[in-house]
Amino acid sequence: MKSCFRRLLLAAALFCLVTDGRVFAQTTNTDLPGWMTRPLSMLDALNVALQQNATILKAQNDLQASYGIVVQTRAVALPQLSGTGQYKYTQPTAIETLPFPGFDNANQGWNAGFQLVQNIYDGGRLTAAFRSARLTKEQALAEYQTKLQDTLLSTRLAYYDVLLALEQITVHQASVKLLQNEVEDQQRRYKAGTVPQFNVLRAEVQLANERPLLIRAQNSYRVSKNNLSNLLGYNLPRDVWEDIPMDLTDTLDATPYPVDLPVAIAQALGSRTELVSLRKASELQQEGIINAKAGYKPTLQAFAGYNWFSAQYSVAPNPPVTPGTPPLSLGWIYGGYNVGAQVSWNIFDGMLTHGKVVQAKANFDKSKNDLSDKTRQIELEVRTSYSDFIEATEVLDSQKTVLAEAAEALREAQARFDAGTGTQLDVLDAETSLTQARDTNALALHDYDAARARLERAIGENMIQPAAAATSNH
């Protein structure tokens, strides 16, 4: 009776585990995005990330903001047009009258005009402004591409994590099923009197030890899907509890990827956008030296404009509207144009320009050191990623025949046990070895794909191209 009750409990627990907890998963929400309701390939995931990922969207905002900086930088070299206007009323008692009959100061006045000013020479700032604007634009684009590629790499790695967790669930579900069959077989043999109860207990312990591995794999699957959804810029509905409706179509594979380390390093140093950004930053700091030294030199401006203004004096009406009151007329309008040029030169500015030059040179030297340091870091990153990729390749190669050998070992151990020449421990060891081989193979495939993705990023390749090529091969 106890044995029967125990079997019922084991069967119930196994059903809950094998069904991946879907009995309790709440997926009643129907307001899901289109990419979540259809099979999602790697290329689809990367495209969704390009459209919705928060880091990419913020990088686009930064890129747009940099355009404003470009416009501001060029402003110093472009003409400036300004307009002015004024109306003034003065209390009549505050106006001094002229000692001539019929003429008085007007107590109302106005003026208006516009002025166009163009810098002709500014100590080198004008040409430096256009070069700085171009460099700022190129630097902003390089920084945007850096964030873009880093985010796409994170998306690829998250996609691989989901595939690994799903594969591990499959492996441990198969192991649980295999061990459950072993428990049932030993129970039948025990009832038949051919094996001791110890065999049953040992099989049950082995099954119990396998269940936590399946539970952990299921948790990794949930977490990895949450992480991928977050990278895709999607806020999960709160009525989705555990089983996110996400069906990935790609699989972990081992597509060959030949790499020549010296060529890879040269490619990385030539194409990594981080280095492009730092080179532009160094050139901008060099333009900063020119701007600082401009303080030693004179500036030349040309200007032209046109002005209108009311007369300062007006003829009092005869007879006056109000005796003793100055006139209120705004008549007698004057106007005309003006053109000219002006030169200014700070002969001595209290060492202000010298201080700016010293600061600009120090910033330029620092930018060169930043570039040199980042170059070494990227070369180290390529070498490290290459070493990790070689390790992942060798581990994967070592697993090519393990699965077949482990399956054959289990078959032989079972056959020997059935023939009475082997032990139950041999069978359990063979079952454990097969599960470990399957799990190791899945992890090796994941590590290979992840190491390849990191190496491609370290070299400076486009993170979306390998995914597109892989998709086209399916």
Protein backbone atom coordinates (compact mmCIF):
# COMPACT_ATOMS: atom_id res chain seq x y z
CA MET A 1 0.00 0.00 0.00
CA LYS A 2 2.80 2.41 0.88
CA SER A 3 4.61 1.52 -2.32
CA CYS A 4 1.49 2.24 -4.38
CA PHE A 5 0.98 5.61 -2.66
CA ARG A 6 4.62 6.46 -3.25
CA ARG A 7 4.25 5.71 -6.97
CA LEU A 8 1.22 7.97 -7.19
CA LEU A 9 3.17 10.84 -5.59
CA LEU A 10 6.11 10.31 -7.94
CA ALA A 11 3.82 10.25 -10.96
CA ALA A 12 2.13 13.50 -9.89
CA ALA A 13 5.45 15.24 -9.27
CA LEU A 14 6.82 14.01 -12.59
CA PHE A 15 3.77 15.30 -14.45
CA CYS A 16 4.21 18.78 -12.99
CA LEU A 17 7.89 18.83 -13.83
CA VAL A 18 7.62 17.46 -17.35
CA THR A 19 4.86 19.88 -18.28
CA ASP A 20 7.28 22.70 -17.33
CA GLY A 21 4.84 24.19 -14.88
CA ARG A 22 2.45 25.19 -17.65
CA VAL A 23 -0.54 24.23 -15.52
CA PHE A 24 0.13 27.28 -13.37
CA ALA A 25 1.38 29.61 -16.09
CA GLN A 26 -0.90 32.55 -16.73
CA THR A 27 -0.79 33.53 -20.39
CA THR A 28 -4.31 34.74 -20.88
CA ASN A 29 -3.15 38.14 -22.09
CA THR A 30 -4.01 38.57 -25.76
CA ASP A 31 -2.60 42.07 -26.14
CA LEU A 32 0.84 40.85 -27.17
CA PRO A 33 3.13 42.27 -29.87
CA GLY A 34 3.26 40.49 -33.20
CA TRP A 35 6.84 39.27 -32.76
CA MET A 36 5.84 37.46 -29.55
CA THR A 37 2.93 35.61 -31.12
CA ARG A 38 4.93 34.18 -34.02
CA PRO A 39 8.15 32.13 -34.25
CA LEU A 40 11.08 34.44 -33.49
CA SER A 41 14.35 33.97 -35.34
CA MET A 42 17.64 35.54 -34.35
CA LEU A 43 17.33 38.06 -37.17
CA ASP A 44 13.79 38.95 -36.05
CA ALA A 45 15.02 39.51 -32.50
CA LEU A 46 17.82 41.79 -33.67
CA ASN A 47 15.43 43.80 -35.83
CA VAL A 48 13.01 44.20 -32.92
CA ALA A 49 15.89 45.37 -30.72
CA LEU A 50 16.85 47.94 -33.35
CA GLN A 51 13.35 49.36 -33.19
CA GLN A 52 12.53 49.13 -29.48
CA ASN A 53 15.61 48.63 -27.30
CA ALA A 54 15.90 51.49 -24.80
CA THR A 55 19.68 51.82 -25.13
CA ILE A 56 19.42 52.13 -28.91
CA LEU A 57 16.57 54.62 -28.67
CA LYS A 58 18.55 56.75 -26.22
CA ALA A 59 21.58 56.53 -28.50
CA GLN A 60 19.42 57.84 -31.34
CA ASN A 61 18.40 60.76 -29.11
CA ASP A 62 22.07 61.46 -28.39
CA LEU A 63 22.79 61.37 -32.12
CA GLN A 64 20.03 63.90 -32.77
CA ALA A 65 21.32 66.09 -29.94
CA SER A 66 24.78 66.04 -31.49
CA TYR A 67 23.32 67.65 -34.60
CA GLY A 68 22.44 70.65 -32.45
CA ILE A 69 26.06 70.79 -31.28
CA VAL A 70 27.22 70.73 -34.90
CA VAL A 71 24.96 73.67 -35.74
CA GLN A 72 26.21 75.61 -32.72
CA THR A 73 29.83 74.92 -33.64
CA ARG A 74 29.39 76.28 -37.16
CA ALA A 75 27.54 79.38 -35.93
CA VAL A 76 30.74 81.33 -35.24
CA ALA A 77 31.67 81.24 -38.92
CA LEU A 78 28.26 82.22 -40.30
CA PRO A 79 26.87 85.79 -40.60
CA GLN A 80 24.73 87.11 -37.76
CA LEU A 81 21.63 89.17 -38.57
CA SER A 82 19.91 91.03 -35.74
CA GLY A 83 17.01 93.46 -35.56
CA THR A 84 16.22 96.07 -32.92
CA GLY A 85 13.35 98.38 -32.15
CA GLN A 86 12.44 100.81 -29.39
CA TYR A 87 9.66 103.19 -28.44
CA LYS A 88 10.19 105.77 -25.68
CA TYR A 89 7.77 108.09 -23.91
CA THR A 90 9.10 110.82 -21.59
CA GLN A 91 7.05 112.83 -19.13
CA PRO A 92 6.72 116.33 -20.62
CA THR A 93 7.98 118.06 -17.47
CA ALA A 94 11.26 116.13 -17.80
CA ILE A 95 12.03 117.61 -21.23
CA GLU A 96 14.20 120.65 -21.66
CA THR A 97 12.62 123.08 -24.11
CA LEU A 98 14.56 124.96 -26.76
CA PRO A 99 14.81 128.75 -26.51
CA PHE A 100 13.52 129.10 -30.04
CA PRO A 101 9.91 129.79 -30.82
CA GLY A 102 8.06 126.97 -32.51
CA PHE A 103 10.61 124.22 -31.70
CA ASP A 104 10.53 121.84 -28.79
CA ASN A 105 12.00 118.45 -27.87
CA ALA A 106 9.58 115.63 -28.66
CA ASN A 107 8.48 113.68 -25.61
CA GLN A 108 7.90 110.55 -27.72
CA GLY A 109 10.40 108.78 -29.93
CA TRP A 110 11.12 105.52 -31.64
CA ASN A 111 13.84 103.80 -33.62
CA ALA A 112 14.22 100.52 -35.52
CA GLY A 113 16.83 98.83 -37.61
CA PHE A 114 18.74 95.68 -38.50
CA GLN A 115 22.40 94.84 -38.59
CA LEU A 116 24.32 92.14 -40.48
CA VAL A 117 27.74 91.18 -39.03
CA GLN A 118 30.21 88.79 -40.62
CA ASN A 119 33.46 87.60 -39.07
CA ILE A 120 36.23 88.02 -41.64
CA TYR A 121 39.18 86.87 -39.56
CA ASP A 122 39.14 85.45 -36.04
CA GLY A 123 42.60 84.05 -35.51
CA GLY A 124 41.80 80.68 -37.13
CA ARG A 125 38.52 80.05 -35.34
CA LEU A 126 36.43 80.25 -38.52
CA THR A 127 38.00 77.33 -40.41
CA ALA A 128 38.42 75.42 -37.15
CA ALA A 129 34.67 75.76 -36.55
CA PHE A 130 33.81 73.95 -39.79
CA ARG A 131 36.37 71.21 -39.13
CA SER A 132 35.11 70.80 -35.56
CA ALA A 133 31.52 70.54 -36.77
CA ARG A 134 32.48 67.73 -39.15
CA LEU A 135 34.51 65.93 -36.47
CA THR A 136 31.70 66.26 -33.93
CA LYS A 137 29.25 64.70 -36.37
CA GLU A 138 31.60 61.81 -37.16
CA GLN A 139 32.35 61.22 -33.49
CA ALA A 140 28.65 61.16 -32.58
CA LEU A 141 27.97 58.65 -35.34
CA ALA A 142 30.82 56.41 -34.13
CA GLU A 143 29.51 56.53 -30.55
CA TYR A 144 26.02 55.63 -31.76
CA GLN A 145 27.39 52.67 -33.72
CA THR A 146 29.29 51.49 -30.64
CA LYS A 147 26.13 51.41 -28.52
CA LEU A 148 24.26 49.78 -31.37
CA GLN A 149 26.76 46.93 -31.76
CA ASP A 150 27.05 46.38 -27.99
CA THR A 151 23.27 46.10 -27.69
CA LEU A 152 23.02 43.71 -30.62
CA LEU A 153 25.73 41.56 -29.03
CA SER A 154 23.78 41.48 -25.77
CA THR A 155 20.65 40.47 -27.70
CA ARG A 156 22.45 37.64 -29.46
CA LEU A 157 23.87 36.35 -26.18
CA ALA A 158 20.45 36.54 -24.52
CA TYR A 159 18.94 34.61 -27.45
CA TYR A 160 21.60 31.90 -27.01
CA ASP A 161 20.88 31.76 -23.26
CA VAL A 162 17.21 31.01 -23.97
CA LEU A 163 18.19 28.26 -26.41
CA LEU A 164 20.59 26.75 -23.87
CA ALA A 165 18.00 26.75 -21.09
CA LEU A 166 15.43 25.15 -23.40
CA GLU A 167 17.93 22.48 -24.43
CA GLN A 168 18.81 21.78 -20.80
CA ILE A 169 15.12 21.37 -19.96
CA THR A 170 14.84 18.79 -22.74
CA VAL A 171 17.94 16.96 -21.48
CA HIS A 172 16.80 16.80 -17.86
CA GLN A 173 13.22 15.93 -18.79
CA ALA A 174 14.57 12.98 -20.74
CA SER A 175 16.77 12.04 -17.79
CA VAL A 176 13.82 12.22 -15.36
CA LYS A 177 11.77 10.05 -17.68
CA LEU A 178 14.62 7.57 -18.02
CA LEU A 179 15.14 7.38 -14.27
CA GLN A 180 11.41 7.08 -13.67
CA ASN A 181 11.37 4.08 -15.99
CA GLU A 182 14.30 2.68 -14.03
CA VAL A 183 12.38 3.09 -10.76
CA GLU A 184 9.36 1.32 -12.20
CA ASP A 185 11.54 -1.47 -13.61
CA GLN A 186 13.26 -2.04 -10.28
CA GLN A 187 9.91 -2.06 -8.50
CA ARG A 188 8.65 -4.76 -10.85
CA ARG A 189 11.81 -6.81 -10.33
CA TYR A 190 11.55 -6.33 -6.57
CA LYS A 191 7.98 -7.60 -6.58
CA ALA A 192 9.12 -10.55 -8.66
CA GLY A 193 11.84 -11.25 -6.09
CA THR A 194 14.75 -10.90 -8.48
CA VAL A 195 16.34 -7.79 -6.91
CA PRO A 196 16.55 -6.49 -3.34
CA GLN A 197 14.67 -3.41 -2.10
CA PHE A 198 18.01 -1.59 -2.04
CA ASN A 199 17.86 -1.42 -5.86
CA VAL A 200 14.49 0.33 -5.66
CA LEU A 201 15.74 2.82 -3.09
CA ARG A 202 18.88 3.58 -5.07
CA ALA A 203 16.85 4.22 -8.24
CA GLU A 204 14.46 6.51 -6.33
CA VAL A 205 17.39 8.47 -4.84
CA GLN A 206 18.89 8.89 -8.31
CA LEU A 207 15.53 10.19 -9.59
CA ALA A 208 15.22 12.59 -6.66
CA ASN A 209 18.71 13.94 -7.34
CA GLU A 210 17.82 14.66 -10.95
CA ARG A 211 14.70 16.71 -10.23
CA PRO A 212 16.50 19.84 -8.88
CA LEU A 213 18.52 19.98 -12.09
CA LEU A 214 15.31 20.10 -14.11
CA ILE A 215 13.85 22.75 -11.78
CA ARG A 216 16.97 24.89 -12.17
CA ALA A 217 16.83 24.54 -15.95
CA GLN A 218 13.18 25.63 -15.94
CA ASN A 219 14.06 28.66 -13.82
CA SER A 220 16.93 29.55 -16.16
CA TYR A 221 14.49 29.34 -19.05
CA ARG A 222 12.09 31.78 -17.38
CA VAL A 223 14.85 34.20 -16.42
CA SER A 224 16.53 34.11 -19.82
CA LYS A 225 13.23 34.80 -21.60
CA ASN A 226 12.60 37.74 -19.28
CA ASN A 227 16.06 39.08 -20.05
CA LEU A 228 15.55 38.71 -23.79
CA SER A 229 12.16 40.43 -23.60
CA ASN A 230 13.75 43.32 -21.74
CA LEU A 231 16.47 43.70 -24.39
CA LEU A 232 13.74 43.70 -27.03
CA GLY A 233 12.18 46.69 -25.29
CA TYR A 234 8.96 44.98 -24.24
CA ASN A 235 7.15 45.43 -20.93
CA LEU A 236 5.60 42.13 -20.03
CA PRO A 237 1.92 42.26 -19.02
CA ARG A 238 1.44 41.56 -15.35
CA ASP A 239 -0.96 38.71 -16.04
CA VAL A 240 1.92 36.82 -17.69
CA TRP A 241 3.40 34.97 -14.74
CA GLU A 242 5.92 32.37 -15.82
CA ASP A 243 5.57 31.01 -19.30
CA ILE A 244 6.32 33.94 -21.61
CA PRO A 245 4.84 33.03 -25.02
CA MET A 246 8.12 33.14 -26.92
CA ASP A 247 8.93 30.56 -29.60
CA LEU A 248 12.52 30.75 -30.86
CA THR A 249 13.18 29.18 -34.24
CA ASP A 250 16.99 29.19 -34.43
CA THR A 251 19.06 26.50 -32.76
CA LEU A 252 22.51 26.26 -31.24
CA ASP A 253 24.89 25.26 -33.97
CA ALA A 254 28.60 25.01 -34.69
CA THR A 255 29.04 26.86 -37.97
CA PRO A 256 32.79 26.98 -38.72
CA TYR A 257 34.39 30.37 -38.27
CA PRO A 258 38.04 30.46 -39.40
CA VAL A 259 40.05 33.24 -37.78
CA ASP A 260 43.61 34.44 -38.34
CA LEU A 261 44.66 36.32 -35.19
CA PRO A 262 47.01 38.91 -36.78
CA VAL A 263 44.41 39.70 -39.42
CA ALA A 264 41.70 39.91 -36.76
CA ILE A 265 43.76 42.36 -34.68
CA ALA A 266 44.46 44.53 -37.71
CA GLN A 267 40.77 44.53 -38.62
CA ALA A 268 39.77 45.47 -35.08
CA LEU A 269 42.23 48.36 -34.91
CA GLY A 270 40.94 49.64 -38.23
CA SER A 271 37.20 49.24 -37.80
CA ARG A 272 36.28 49.39 -34.10
CA THR A 273 34.04 52.40 -33.66
CA GLU A 274 35.44 53.07 -30.20
CA LEU A 275 38.80 53.88 -31.79
CA VAL A 276 37.11 55.95 -34.48
CA SER A 277 35.41 58.00 -31.78
CA LEU A 278 38.65 58.54 -29.86
CA ARG A 279 40.49 59.55 -33.03
CA LYS A 280 37.83 62.16 -33.72
CA ALA A 281 38.04 63.30 -30.10
CA SER A 282 41.80 63.75 -30.46
CA GLU A 283 41.35 65.78 -33.62
CA LEU A 284 38.74 67.91 -31.85
CA GLN A 285 41.20 68.61 -29.05
CA GLN A 286 43.72 69.66 -31.68
CA GLU A 287 41.19 72.13 -33.03
CA GLY A 288 40.79 73.31 -29.46
CA ILE A 289 44.44 74.39 -29.47
CA ILE A 290 43.78 76.51 -32.56
CA ASN A 291 40.78 78.11 -30.87
CA ALA A 292 42.82 78.85 -27.76
CA LYS A 293 45.69 80.40 -29.71
CA ALA A 294 43.24 82.63 -31.57
CA GLY A 295 43.20 84.80 -28.45
CA TYR A 296 46.69 86.02 -29.37
CA LYS A 297 45.47 87.34 -32.72
CA PRO A 298 43.21 90.21 -33.83
CA THR A 299 39.66 89.80 -35.07
CA LEU A 300 38.13 91.54 -38.07
CA GLN A 301 34.40 91.98 -38.67
CA ALA A 302 32.40 93.61 -41.44
CA PHE A 303 28.93 94.95 -40.85
CA ALA A 304 26.05 96.55 -42.74
CA GLY A 305 22.62 97.69 -41.66
CA TYR A 306 19.71 100.04 -42.03
CA ASN A 307 18.08 102.18 -39.33
CA TRP A 308 14.93 104.28 -38.93
CA PHE A 309 14.25 106.76 -36.15
CA SER A 310 11.92 109.58 -35.33
CA ALA A 311 13.03 113.21 -35.17
CA GLN A 312 14.38 114.48 -31.88
CA TYR A 313 12.66 117.83 -32.39
CA SER A 314 9.23 118.67 -33.70
CA VAL A 315 7.39 121.84 -34.53
CA ALA A 316 4.81 122.82 -31.94
CA PRO A 317 1.29 123.31 -33.32
CA ASN A 318 0.13 126.90 -33.64
CA PRO A 319 -1.80 127.60 -31.59
CA PRO A 320 -0.77 124.89 -29.04
CA VAL A 321 -3.34 122.29 -28.25
CA THR A 322 -2.63 122.80 -24.57
CA PRO A 323 -0.68 125.93 -23.67
CA GLY A 324 2.67 125.16 -22.03
CA THR A 325 2.63 121.45 -23.08
CA PRO A 326 5.47 120.10 -25.27
CA PRO A 327 4.40 118.52 -28.57
CA LEU A 328 3.45 114.82 -28.73
CA SER A 329 4.06 114.37 -32.44
CA LEU A 330 6.12 111.40 -33.74
CA GLY A 331 6.61 112.98 -37.12
CA TRP A 332 9.75 113.61 -39.16
CA ILE A 333 11.11 110.11 -39.78
CA TYR A 334 14.76 109.66 -40.74
CA GLY A 335 16.42 106.56 -42.11
CA GLY A 336 19.50 105.28 -43.90
CA TYR A 337 22.02 102.51 -44.24
CA ASN A 338 25.45 102.04 -42.73
CA VAL A 339 28.41 99.83 -43.64
CA GLY A 340 31.81 99.42 -42.14
CA ALA A 341 34.41 97.21 -40.54
CA GLN A 342 35.91 96.90 -37.11
CA VAL A 343 39.12 95.42 -35.72
CA SER A 344 39.75 94.37 -32.14
CA TRP A 345 42.89 92.97 -30.52
CA ASN A 346 43.53 92.07 -26.93
CA ILE A 347 47.11 93.23 -26.48
CA PHE A 348 47.27 91.80 -22.96
CA ASP A 349 44.49 89.81 -21.35
CA GLY A 350 46.08 88.96 -18.03
CA MET A 351 47.51 85.62 -19.31
CA LEU A 352 43.98 84.35 -20.02
CA THR A 353 44.86 83.14 -23.53
CA HIS A 354 48.08 81.51 -22.30
CA GLY A 355 46.11 79.56 -19.73
CA LYS A 356 43.63 78.40 -22.37
CA VAL A 357 46.48 77.24 -24.62
CA VAL A 358 48.11 75.27 -21.80
CA GLN A 359 44.78 73.61 -21.00
CA ALA A 360 44.06 72.81 -24.66
CA LYS A 361 47.49 71.21 -25.16
CA ALA A 362 47.07 69.10 -22.02
CA ASN A 363 43.64 67.92 -23.22
CA PHE A 364 45.13 67.02 -26.59
CA ASP A 365 47.92 64.98 -24.97
CA LYS A 366 45.34 63.25 -22.79
CA SER A 367 43.22 62.36 -25.84
CA LYS A 368 46.27 60.76 -27.47
CA ASN A 369 46.92 58.74 -24.32
CA ASP A 370 43.26 57.66 -24.26
CA LEU A 371 43.54 56.49 -27.85
CA SER A 372 46.76 54.59 -27.17
CA ASP A 373 45.30 52.93 -24.07
CA LYS A 374 42.07 51.95 -25.84
CA THR A 375 44.08 50.50 -28.70
CA ARG A 376 45.90 48.20 -26.29
CA GLN A 377 42.62 47.28 -24.60
CA ILE A 378 40.99 46.34 -27.89
CA GLU A 379 43.98 44.27 -28.93
CA LEU A 380 43.78 42.49 -25.57
CA GLU A 381 40.04 42.00 -26.06
CA VAL A 382 40.63 40.42 -29.46
CA ARG A 383 43.32 38.11 -28.10
CA THR A 384 41.15 37.10 -25.12
CA SER A 385 38.06 36.55 -27.28
CA TYR A 386 40.15 34.54 -29.74
CA SER A 387 41.51 32.36 -26.92
CA ASP A 388 38.00 31.81 -25.54
CA PHE A 389 36.79 30.89 -29.02
CA ILE A 390 39.61 28.38 -29.48
CA GLU A 391 38.76 26.85 -26.11
CA ALA A 392 35.06 26.62 -27.03
CA THR A 393 35.97 25.06 -30.38
CA GLU A 394 38.20 22.43 -28.79
CA VAL A 395 35.62 21.57 -26.14
CA LEU A 396 32.96 21.21 -28.80
CA ASP A 397 35.22 18.99 -30.92
CA SER A 398 35.82 16.77 -27.90
CA GLN A 399 32.07 16.18 -27.61
CA LYS A 400 31.49 14.97 -31.17
CA THR A 401 31.43 11.25 -30.32
CA VAL A 402 30.58 11.41 -26.62
CA LEU A 403 26.82 11.32 -27.06
CA ALA A 404 26.90 8.20 -29.21
CA GLU A 405 29.37 6.51 -26.86
CA ALA A 406 27.32 7.38 -23.77
CA ALA A 407 24.14 6.02 -25.37
CA GLU A 408 25.92 2.83 -26.36
CA ALA A 409 27.38 2.48 -22.85
CA LEU A 410 23.89 2.71 -21.36
CA ARG A 411 22.56 0.12 -23.80
CA GLU A 412 25.36 -2.31 -22.95
CA ALA A 413 25.02 -1.69 -19.19
CA GLN A 414 21.29 -2.43 -19.40
CA ALA A 415 21.89 -5.55 -21.48
CA ARG A 416 24.50 -6.84 -19.03
CA PHE A 417 22.20 -6.15 -16.11
CA ASP A 418 19.35 -8.00 -17.81
CA ALA A 419 21.72 -10.91 -18.50
CA GLY A 420 22.81 -11.00 -14.87
CA THR A 421 26.43 -10.09 -15.60
CA GLY A 422 26.14 -6.43 -14.65
CA THR A 423 24.91 -4.41 -11.69
CA GLN A 424 22.27 -1.78 -11.23
CA LEU A 425 25.00 0.68 -10.29
CA ASP A 426 26.47 0.22 -13.76
CA VAL A 427 23.11 1.14 -15.29
CA LEU A 428 22.66 4.21 -13.08
CA ASP A 429 26.20 5.39 -13.78
CA ALA A 430 25.61 4.97 -17.50
CA GLU A 431 22.35 6.94 -17.27
CA THR A 432 24.09 9.72 -15.36
CA SER A 433 26.93 9.79 -17.88
CA LEU A 434 24.47 10.07 -20.77
CA THR A 435 22.70 13.00 -19.09
CA GLN A 436 26.01 14.72 -18.40
CA ALA A 437 27.10 14.18 -21.99
CA ARG A 438 23.89 15.70 -23.33
CA ASP A 439 24.13 18.65 -20.93
CA THR A 440 27.82 19.21 -21.72
CA ASN A 441 27.13 19.08 -25.44
CA ALA A 442 24.37 21.69 -25.14
CA LEU A 443 26.62 23.92 -23.02
CA ALA A 444 29.50 23.46 -25.49
CA LEU A 445 27.29 24.55 -28.40
CA HIS A 446 26.11 27.58 -26.41
CA ASP A 447 29.66 28.53 -25.41
CA TYR A 448 30.83 28.18 -29.01
CA ASP A 449 28.10 30.46 -30.37
CA ALA A 450 28.58 32.96 -27.54
CA ALA A 451 32.38 32.98 -27.96
CA ARG A 452 31.99 33.47 -31.69
CA ALA A 453 29.61 36.40 -31.16
CA ARG A 454 32.04 38.04 -28.71
CA LEU A 455 34.95 37.49 -31.10
CA GLU A 456 33.00 39.03 -33.97
CA ARG A 457 32.24 42.04 -31.77
CA ALA A 458 35.89 42.31 -30.70
CA ILE A 459 37.02 42.25 -34.33
CA GLY A 460 34.49 44.93 -35.21
CA GLU A 461 32.14 42.98 -37.47
CA ASN A 462 28.49 43.95 -37.84
CA MET A 463 26.52 42.06 -35.22
CA ILE A 464 23.47 41.63 -37.42
CA GLN A 465 25.20 40.16 -40.49
CA PRO A 466 26.06 36.72 -39.03
CA ALA A 467 22.48 36.35 -37.80
CA ALA A 468 21.12 37.22 -41.23
CA ALA A 469 23.44 34.73 -42.89
CA ALA A 470 22.51 32.03 -40.42
CA THR A 471 18.80 32.69 -40.99
CA SER A 472 19.17 32.43 -44.75
CA ASN A 473 20.83 29.02 -44.35
CA HIS A 474 17.92 27.49 -42.43
